[in-house]
Amino acid sequence: ATTAVPLPPSLDELSSLPLQTFGGEDTTLGQHLGPGPAVISFWASWCAPCVEEAMHLSTVRHRYDEARLNIIGLNVELIAANDEGVRRFLDRTRPTYKQLRPDMSTYQAFGGAAQLNLPRLFVFDATGRPTAAFGAPDAPAVNRAIAQVVS
């Protein structure tokens, strides 16, 4: 049984949240969102179910190009020492979608608790309204949620 994950605020409210590129540049969520629906996934290198979810999102990316669906992975390693683990995770999963780093305040803005619960995946429609939230890999349900928002 999966615990229900609350829906986050709209992307309008979340777009100014601070992120970093893996190169260390400061950016915001809004700078990486094109028009259209979006999938945003929080993951960490130590999260086993996150591997399954990342591989699934790469297959989703092959189904829908960037013009039809934004997909962003947000890596929440709280310790910089985990960089080696992050590199191994990315080597293993080879995500075909954008990867960025949030801080804990960004995770919490999506409705995350004080502690990390991962994975977390959110689906937004083309207006930025949240339509689905997942706290465990569930490819069939995620596929259905995405199909409902992609035209």
N, C-alpha and C. Protein backbone atom coordinates (compact mmCIF):
# COMPACT_ATOMS: atom_id res chain seq x y z
N ALA A 1 0.85 -1.19 0.00
CA ALA A 1 0.00 0.00 0.00
C ALA A 1 0.88 1.24 0.00
N THR A 2 0.54 2.19 -0.84
CA THR A 2 1.32 3.43 -0.89
C THR A 2 0.59 4.49 -0.08
N THR A 3 1.36 5.29 0.62
CA THR A 3 0.74 6.38 1.36
C THR A 3 0.40 7.49 0.38
N ALA A 4 -0.73 8.11 0.62
CA ALA A 4 -1.16 9.19 -0.27
C ALA A 4 -0.19 10.37 -0.14
N VAL A 5 0.17 10.91 -1.27
CA VAL A 5 1.05 12.08 -1.30
C VAL A 5 0.18 13.28 -1.63
N PRO A 6 0.22 14.33 -0.82
CA PRO A 6 -0.61 15.50 -1.12
C PRO A 6 -0.16 16.20 -2.39
N LEU A 7 -1.10 16.82 -3.07
CA LEU A 7 -0.75 17.59 -4.27
C LEU A 7 -0.01 18.86 -3.86
N PRO A 8 1.00 19.24 -4.63
CA PRO A 8 1.74 20.47 -4.33
C PRO A 8 0.99 21.70 -4.83
N PRO A 9 1.52 22.90 -4.56
CA PRO A 9 0.94 24.11 -5.17
C PRO A 9 1.09 24.07 -6.70
N SER A 10 0.54 25.07 -7.37
CA SER A 10 0.67 25.15 -8.83
C SER A 10 2.10 25.51 -9.23
N LEU A 11 2.43 25.23 -10.48
CA LEU A 11 3.77 25.57 -10.98
C LEU A 11 4.01 27.07 -10.95
N ASP A 12 2.94 27.88 -11.10
CA ASP A 12 3.11 29.34 -10.98
C ASP A 12 3.73 29.69 -9.63
N GLU A 13 3.24 29.04 -8.58
CA GLU A 13 3.75 29.32 -7.23
C GLU A 13 5.14 28.74 -7.02
N LEU A 14 5.46 27.66 -7.73
CA LEU A 14 6.72 26.96 -7.51
C LEU A 14 7.84 27.43 -8.44
N SER A 15 7.51 28.21 -9.48
CA SER A 15 8.48 28.49 -10.55
C SER A 15 9.69 29.30 -10.10
N SER A 16 9.56 30.07 -9.02
CA SER A 16 10.71 30.87 -8.58
C SER A 16 11.59 30.14 -7.57
N LEU A 17 11.28 28.88 -7.29
CA LEU A 17 12.08 28.13 -6.31
C LEU A 17 13.52 27.98 -6.77
N PRO A 18 14.47 28.13 -5.84
CA PRO A 18 15.89 28.05 -6.21
C PRO A 18 16.33 26.62 -6.49
N LEU A 19 17.11 26.48 -7.56
CA LEU A 19 17.73 25.20 -7.92
C LEU A 19 19.16 25.48 -8.30
N GLN A 20 19.93 24.40 -8.44
CA GLN A 20 21.28 24.51 -8.99
C GLN A 20 21.43 23.49 -10.09
N THR A 21 22.23 23.83 -11.09
CA THR A 21 22.60 22.84 -12.09
C THR A 21 23.66 21.94 -11.46
N PHE A 22 23.96 20.82 -12.11
CA PHE A 22 25.01 19.96 -11.60
C PHE A 22 26.38 20.62 -11.74
N GLY A 23 26.45 21.67 -12.55
CA GLY A 23 27.67 22.45 -12.66
C GLY A 23 27.80 23.53 -11.59
N GLY A 24 26.78 23.63 -10.72
CA GLY A 24 26.85 24.58 -9.61
C GLY A 24 26.26 25.95 -9.89
N GLU A 25 25.64 26.14 -11.06
CA GLU A 25 25.03 27.44 -11.38
C GLU A 25 23.66 27.57 -10.72
N ASP A 26 23.38 28.77 -10.16
CA ASP A 26 22.07 29.03 -9.57
C ASP A 26 21.04 29.25 -10.67
N THR A 27 19.86 28.69 -10.46
CA THR A 27 18.79 28.80 -11.44
C THR A 27 17.47 28.68 -10.69
N THR A 28 16.36 28.71 -11.42
CA THR A 28 15.05 28.49 -10.80
C THR A 28 14.30 27.44 -11.59
N LEU A 29 13.28 26.89 -10.98
CA LEU A 29 12.47 25.88 -11.65
C LEU A 29 11.87 26.44 -12.94
N GLY A 30 11.35 27.67 -12.87
CA GLY A 30 10.69 28.27 -14.04
C GLY A 30 11.59 28.40 -15.25
N GLN A 31 12.89 28.57 -15.02
CA GLN A 31 13.82 28.70 -16.15
C GLN A 31 13.97 27.40 -16.93
N HIS A 32 13.48 26.30 -16.39
CA HIS A 32 13.64 25.00 -17.04
C HIS A 32 12.32 24.40 -17.48
N LEU A 33 11.25 25.17 -17.37
CA LEU A 33 9.93 24.68 -17.77
C LEU A 33 9.48 25.37 -19.04
N GLY A 34 9.27 24.58 -20.10
CA GLY A 34 8.66 25.11 -21.30
C GLY A 34 7.15 25.12 -21.12
N PRO A 35 6.41 25.60 -22.14
CA PRO A 35 4.95 25.52 -22.06
C PRO A 35 4.53 24.05 -22.05
N GLY A 36 3.37 23.78 -21.54
CA GLY A 36 2.86 22.41 -21.56
C GLY A 36 2.94 21.73 -20.22
N PRO A 37 2.44 20.49 -20.17
CA PRO A 37 2.42 19.75 -18.92
C PRO A 37 3.83 19.41 -18.43
N ALA A 38 3.91 19.02 -17.16
CA ALA A 38 5.22 18.73 -16.56
C ALA A 38 5.15 17.55 -15.61
N VAL A 39 6.27 16.83 -15.54
CA VAL A 39 6.49 15.79 -14.54
C VAL A 39 7.72 16.21 -13.76
N ILE A 40 7.61 16.26 -12.45
CA ILE A 40 8.76 16.61 -11.61
C ILE A 40 8.96 15.49 -10.60
N SER A 41 10.19 14.98 -10.59
CA SER A 41 10.51 13.81 -9.77
C SER A 41 11.67 14.14 -8.83
N PHE A 42 11.46 13.91 -7.54
CA PHE A 42 12.54 14.06 -6.55
C PHE A 42 13.18 12.69 -6.33
N TRP A 43 14.52 12.65 -6.30
CA TRP A 43 15.24 11.38 -6.13
C TRP A 43 16.53 11.61 -5.36
N ALA A 44 17.11 10.49 -4.90
CA ALA A 44 18.43 10.52 -4.27
C ALA A 44 19.16 9.24 -4.64
N SER A 45 20.47 9.29 -4.60
CA SER A 45 21.28 8.14 -5.02
C SER A 45 21.07 6.93 -4.12
N TRP A 46 20.72 7.14 -2.86
CA TRP A 46 20.54 6.04 -1.90
C TRP A 46 19.14 5.45 -1.92
N CYS A 47 18.27 5.96 -2.78
CA CYS A 47 16.86 5.53 -2.83
C CYS A 47 16.68 4.47 -3.91
N ALA A 48 16.55 3.20 -3.49
CA ALA A 48 16.43 2.11 -4.47
C ALA A 48 15.22 2.27 -5.40
N PRO A 49 14.02 2.60 -4.90
CA PRO A 49 12.89 2.76 -5.82
C PRO A 49 13.08 3.90 -6.82
N CYS A 50 13.96 4.85 -6.49
CA CYS A 50 14.20 5.97 -7.40
C CYS A 50 14.86 5.50 -8.70
N VAL A 51 15.63 4.40 -8.63
CA VAL A 51 16.27 3.85 -9.83
C VAL A 51 15.19 3.42 -10.82
N GLU A 52 14.23 2.66 -10.31
CA GLU A 52 13.12 2.17 -11.15
C GLU A 52 12.36 3.35 -11.76
N GLU A 53 12.09 4.36 -10.93
CA GLU A 53 11.34 5.52 -11.41
C GLU A 53 12.12 6.28 -12.49
N ALA A 54 13.43 6.46 -12.28
CA ALA A 54 14.25 7.18 -13.27
C ALA A 54 14.26 6.45 -14.61
N MET A 55 14.38 5.12 -14.56
CA MET A 55 14.39 4.36 -15.81
C MET A 55 13.03 4.47 -16.52
N HIS A 56 11.96 4.45 -15.74
CA HIS A 56 10.64 4.61 -16.33
C HIS A 56 10.48 5.99 -16.97
N LEU A 57 10.96 7.04 -16.30
CA LEU A 57 10.83 8.38 -16.86
C LEU A 57 11.62 8.54 -18.15
N SER A 58 12.71 7.81 -18.29
CA SER A 58 13.45 7.85 -19.56
C SER A 58 12.61 7.24 -20.68
N THR A 59 11.84 6.19 -20.38
CA THR A 59 10.96 5.63 -21.42
C THR A 59 9.83 6.61 -21.74
N VAL A 60 9.35 7.33 -20.72
CA VAL A 60 8.33 8.36 -20.95
C VAL A 60 8.89 9.45 -21.87
N ARG A 61 10.14 9.85 -21.63
CA ARG A 61 10.77 10.88 -22.48
C ARG A 61 10.83 10.41 -23.93
N HIS A 62 11.08 9.12 -24.17
CA HIS A 62 11.11 8.62 -25.56
C HIS A 62 9.71 8.70 -26.18
N ARG A 63 8.67 8.56 -25.36
CA ARG A 63 7.30 8.61 -25.86
C ARG A 63 6.85 10.03 -26.17
N TYR A 64 7.25 10.98 -25.33
CA TYR A 64 6.83 12.38 -25.48
C TYR A 64 8.06 13.27 -25.55
N ASP A 65 8.20 14.04 -26.62
CA ASP A 65 9.38 14.92 -26.69
C ASP A 65 9.18 16.15 -25.81
N GLU A 66 10.24 16.94 -25.68
CA GLU A 66 10.22 18.09 -24.75
C GLU A 66 9.16 19.11 -25.12
N ALA A 67 8.78 19.19 -26.38
CA ALA A 67 7.75 20.15 -26.78
C ALA A 67 6.38 19.77 -26.22
N ARG A 68 6.19 18.47 -25.93
CA ARG A 68 4.88 18.00 -25.44
C ARG A 68 4.85 17.78 -23.94
N LEU A 69 6.03 17.55 -23.32
CA LEU A 69 6.05 17.23 -21.89
C LEU A 69 7.38 17.63 -21.27
N ASN A 70 7.34 18.47 -20.25
CA ASN A 70 8.52 18.79 -19.46
C ASN A 70 8.75 17.65 -18.46
N ILE A 71 9.97 17.16 -18.35
CA ILE A 71 10.31 16.20 -17.30
C ILE A 71 11.57 16.71 -16.62
N ILE A 72 11.49 16.86 -15.31
CA ILE A 72 12.64 17.34 -14.55
C ILE A 72 12.87 16.42 -13.36
N GLY A 73 14.11 15.95 -13.22
CA GLY A 73 14.51 15.19 -12.05
C GLY A 73 15.22 16.13 -11.09
N LEU A 74 14.85 16.08 -9.81
CA LEU A 74 15.47 16.93 -8.80
C LEU A 74 16.19 16.04 -7.78
N ASN A 75 17.51 16.14 -7.77
CA ASN A 75 18.33 15.30 -6.90
C ASN A 75 18.50 15.93 -5.52
N VAL A 76 17.95 15.30 -4.51
CA VAL A 76 18.03 15.83 -3.15
C VAL A 76 19.04 15.07 -2.31
N GLU A 77 20.31 15.21 -2.65
CA GLU A 77 21.36 14.71 -1.75
C GLU A 77 21.61 15.83 -0.76
N LEU A 78 21.55 15.52 0.49
CA LEU A 78 21.74 16.58 1.48
C LEU A 78 23.21 16.73 1.84
N ILE A 79 24.02 15.77 1.43
CA ILE A 79 25.44 15.82 1.78
C ILE A 79 26.25 15.82 0.49
N ALA A 80 27.10 16.81 0.33
CA ALA A 80 27.91 16.91 -0.89
C ALA A 80 28.77 15.66 -1.08
N ALA A 81 29.10 14.98 0.02
CA ALA A 81 29.93 13.77 -0.07
C ALA A 81 29.26 12.67 -0.88
N ASN A 82 27.97 12.81 -1.14
CA ASN A 82 27.27 11.78 -1.91
C ASN A 82 27.46 11.94 -3.42
N ASP A 83 28.31 12.86 -3.85
CA ASP A 83 28.50 13.08 -5.29
C ASP A 83 28.86 11.80 -6.04
N GLU A 84 29.69 10.96 -5.44
CA GLU A 84 30.07 9.70 -6.09
C GLU A 84 28.83 8.81 -6.27
N GLY A 85 27.98 8.78 -5.26
CA GLY A 85 26.74 8.01 -5.37
C GLY A 85 25.82 8.56 -6.45
N VAL A 86 25.78 9.87 -6.56
CA VAL A 86 24.96 10.52 -7.60
C VAL A 86 25.50 10.14 -8.97
N ARG A 87 26.83 10.18 -9.15
CA ARG A 87 27.42 9.83 -10.43
C ARG A 87 27.09 8.38 -10.80
N ARG A 88 27.19 7.48 -9.81
CA ARG A 88 26.86 6.07 -10.07
C ARG A 88 25.38 5.91 -10.45
N PHE A 89 24.51 6.64 -9.75
CA PHE A 89 23.08 6.58 -10.04
C PHE A 89 22.82 7.02 -11.48
N LEU A 90 23.43 8.15 -11.88
CA LEU A 90 23.23 8.68 -13.23
C LEU A 90 23.84 7.75 -14.28
N ASP A 91 24.98 7.14 -13.97
CA ASP A 91 25.59 6.18 -14.90
C ASP A 91 24.68 4.97 -15.08
N ARG A 92 24.06 4.54 -13.98
CA ARG A 92 23.22 3.35 -14.03
C ARG A 92 21.89 3.62 -14.74
N THR A 93 21.28 4.76 -14.45
CA THR A 93 19.93 5.02 -14.98
C THR A 93 19.95 5.79 -16.29
N ARG A 94 21.04 6.49 -16.58
CA ARG A 94 21.18 7.27 -17.82
C ARG A 94 19.92 8.03 -18.18
N PRO A 95 19.47 8.92 -17.29
CA PRO A 95 18.21 9.63 -17.57
C PRO A 95 18.30 10.48 -18.83
N THR A 96 17.22 10.47 -19.60
CA THR A 96 17.16 11.22 -20.86
C THR A 96 16.37 12.50 -20.67
N TYR A 97 16.25 12.94 -19.43
CA TYR A 97 15.52 14.17 -19.12
C TYR A 97 16.38 15.02 -18.19
N LYS A 98 16.00 16.27 -18.04
CA LYS A 98 16.78 17.28 -17.31
C LYS A 98 16.95 16.92 -15.84
N GLN A 99 18.17 17.15 -15.31
CA GLN A 99 18.48 16.88 -13.90
C GLN A 99 18.98 18.16 -13.23
N LEU A 100 18.40 18.50 -12.09
CA LEU A 100 18.79 19.69 -11.34
C LEU A 100 18.83 19.34 -9.86
N ARG A 101 19.35 20.29 -9.07
CA ARG A 101 19.44 20.09 -7.62
C ARG A 101 18.66 21.16 -6.87
N PRO A 102 17.69 20.75 -6.04
CA PRO A 102 16.97 21.69 -5.19
C PRO A 102 17.63 21.74 -3.82
N ASP A 103 17.19 22.66 -2.97
CA ASP A 103 17.56 22.56 -1.57
C ASP A 103 16.33 22.06 -0.80
N MET A 104 16.49 21.87 0.48
CA MET A 104 15.40 21.29 1.27
C MET A 104 14.16 22.19 1.24
N SER A 105 14.34 23.50 1.15
CA SER A 105 13.16 24.39 1.13
C SER A 105 12.33 24.16 -0.14
N THR A 106 12.99 23.82 -1.24
CA THR A 106 12.27 23.51 -2.48
C THR A 106 11.47 22.23 -2.31
N TYR A 107 12.11 21.20 -1.74
CA TYR A 107 11.41 19.94 -1.47
C TYR A 107 10.17 20.21 -0.60
N GLN A 108 10.35 21.02 0.44
CA GLN A 108 9.24 21.30 1.35
C GLN A 108 8.15 22.14 0.68
N ALA A 109 8.52 22.99 -0.27
CA ALA A 109 7.52 23.80 -0.99
C ALA A 109 6.57 22.92 -1.80
N PHE A 110 7.05 21.73 -2.21
CA PHE A 110 6.22 20.77 -2.93
C PHE A 110 5.33 19.98 -1.96
N GLY A 111 5.40 20.29 -0.68
CA GLY A 111 4.60 19.58 0.31
C GLY A 111 5.38 18.50 1.03
N GLY A 112 6.70 18.48 0.85
CA GLY A 112 7.53 17.47 1.51
C GLY A 112 7.62 17.72 3.00
N ALA A 113 7.69 16.65 3.75
CA ALA A 113 7.82 16.75 5.21
C ALA A 113 9.22 17.22 5.57
N ALA A 114 9.46 17.36 6.86
CA ALA A 114 10.79 17.78 7.32
C ALA A 114 11.84 16.74 6.93
N GLN A 115 11.46 15.46 6.94
CA GLN A 115 12.39 14.43 6.48
C GLN A 115 12.08 14.09 5.03
N LEU A 116 13.10 13.61 4.35
CA LEU A 116 12.91 13.21 2.96
C LEU A 116 12.13 11.91 2.89
N ASN A 117 11.11 11.89 2.08
CA ASN A 117 10.44 10.65 1.70
C ASN A 117 10.55 10.57 0.20
N LEU A 118 11.23 9.56 -0.29
CA LEU A 118 11.49 9.44 -1.73
C LEU A 118 11.13 8.04 -2.20
N PRO A 119 10.84 7.89 -3.51
CA PRO A 119 10.73 8.96 -4.50
C PRO A 119 9.44 9.77 -4.31
N ARG A 120 9.42 10.90 -4.95
CA ARG A 120 8.23 11.75 -5.03
C ARG A 120 8.11 12.18 -6.48
N LEU A 121 6.95 11.94 -7.08
CA LEU A 121 6.74 12.32 -8.48
C LEU A 121 5.42 13.08 -8.56
N PHE A 122 5.46 14.21 -9.27
CA PHE A 122 4.29 15.07 -9.41
C PHE A 122 4.00 15.32 -10.88
N VAL A 123 2.72 15.28 -11.25
CA VAL A 123 2.28 15.55 -12.62
C VAL A 123 1.46 16.84 -12.60
N PHE A 124 1.75 17.73 -13.56
CA PHE A 124 1.05 19.01 -13.69
C PHE A 124 0.47 19.11 -15.09
N ASP A 125 -0.71 19.70 -15.22
CA ASP A 125 -1.28 19.90 -16.55
C ASP A 125 -0.66 21.13 -17.21
N ALA A 126 -1.11 21.44 -18.42
CA ALA A 126 -0.49 22.52 -19.20
C ALA A 126 -0.68 23.90 -18.56
N THR A 127 -1.66 24.03 -17.66
CA THR A 127 -1.85 25.31 -16.97
C THR A 127 -1.00 25.40 -15.70
N GLY A 128 -0.29 24.32 -15.37
CA GLY A 128 0.53 24.31 -14.16
C GLY A 128 -0.18 23.79 -12.93
N ARG A 129 -1.42 23.32 -13.12
CA ARG A 129 -2.20 22.78 -12.00
C ARG A 129 -1.74 21.35 -11.70
N PRO A 130 -1.47 21.02 -10.42
CA PRO A 130 -1.07 19.65 -10.10
C PRO A 130 -2.24 18.69 -10.28
N THR A 131 -2.00 17.55 -10.92
CA THR A 131 -3.08 16.60 -11.16
C THR A 131 -2.84 15.24 -10.52
N ALA A 132 -1.59 14.92 -10.17
CA ALA A 132 -1.30 13.61 -9.57
C ALA A 132 0.00 13.69 -8.78
N ALA A 133 0.07 12.86 -7.73
CA ALA A 133 1.27 12.80 -6.90
C ALA A 133 1.51 11.35 -6.51
N PHE A 134 2.75 10.93 -6.58
CA PHE A 134 3.10 9.54 -6.30
C PHE A 134 4.25 9.46 -5.30
N GLY A 135 4.17 8.49 -4.38
CA GLY A 135 5.23 8.29 -3.40
C GLY A 135 5.91 6.96 -3.54
N ALA A 136 5.66 6.27 -4.65
CA ALA A 136 6.32 4.99 -4.95
C ALA A 136 6.25 4.79 -6.45
N PRO A 137 7.21 4.03 -7.02
CA PRO A 137 7.15 3.79 -8.46
C PRO A 137 5.86 3.03 -8.80
N ASP A 138 5.12 3.52 -9.75
CA ASP A 138 3.89 2.88 -10.21
C ASP A 138 3.73 3.25 -11.68
N ALA A 139 4.51 2.59 -12.54
CA ALA A 139 4.57 2.97 -13.95
C ALA A 139 3.18 3.04 -14.61
N PRO A 140 2.30 2.03 -14.43
CA PRO A 140 1.00 2.12 -15.10
C PRO A 140 0.19 3.35 -14.67
N ALA A 141 0.17 3.63 -13.37
CA ALA A 141 -0.60 4.79 -12.88
C ALA A 141 0.04 6.10 -13.33
N VAL A 142 1.37 6.16 -13.32
CA VAL A 142 2.07 7.36 -13.79
C VAL A 142 1.78 7.58 -15.28
N ASN A 143 1.83 6.50 -16.06
CA ASN A 143 1.54 6.61 -17.50
C ASN A 143 0.13 7.14 -17.73
N ARG A 144 -0.84 6.66 -16.95
CA ARG A 144 -2.23 7.14 -17.10
C ARG A 144 -2.32 8.62 -16.74
N ALA A 145 -1.66 9.01 -15.64
CA ALA A 145 -1.71 10.42 -15.21
C ALA A 145 -1.10 11.33 -16.26
N ILE A 146 0.00 10.88 -16.89
CA ILE A 146 0.65 11.68 -17.92
C ILE A 146 -0.23 11.76 -19.17
N ALA A 147 -0.81 10.62 -19.56
CA ALA A 147 -1.65 10.59 -20.76
C ALA A 147 -2.84 11.55 -20.62
N GLN A 148 -3.32 11.75 -19.40
CA GLN A 148 -4.46 12.64 -19.18
C GLN A 148 -4.09 14.11 -19.37
N VAL A 149 -2.80 14.46 -19.23
CA VAL A 149 -2.43 15.88 -19.34
C VAL A 149 -1.72 16.24 -20.65
N VAL A 150 -1.23 15.22 -21.37
CA VAL A 150 -0.53 15.50 -22.64
C VAL A 150 -1.55 15.47 -23.76
N SER A 151 -1.56 16.53 -24.58
CA SER A 151 -2.53 16.57 -25.68
C SER A 151 -1.95 15.88 -26.90
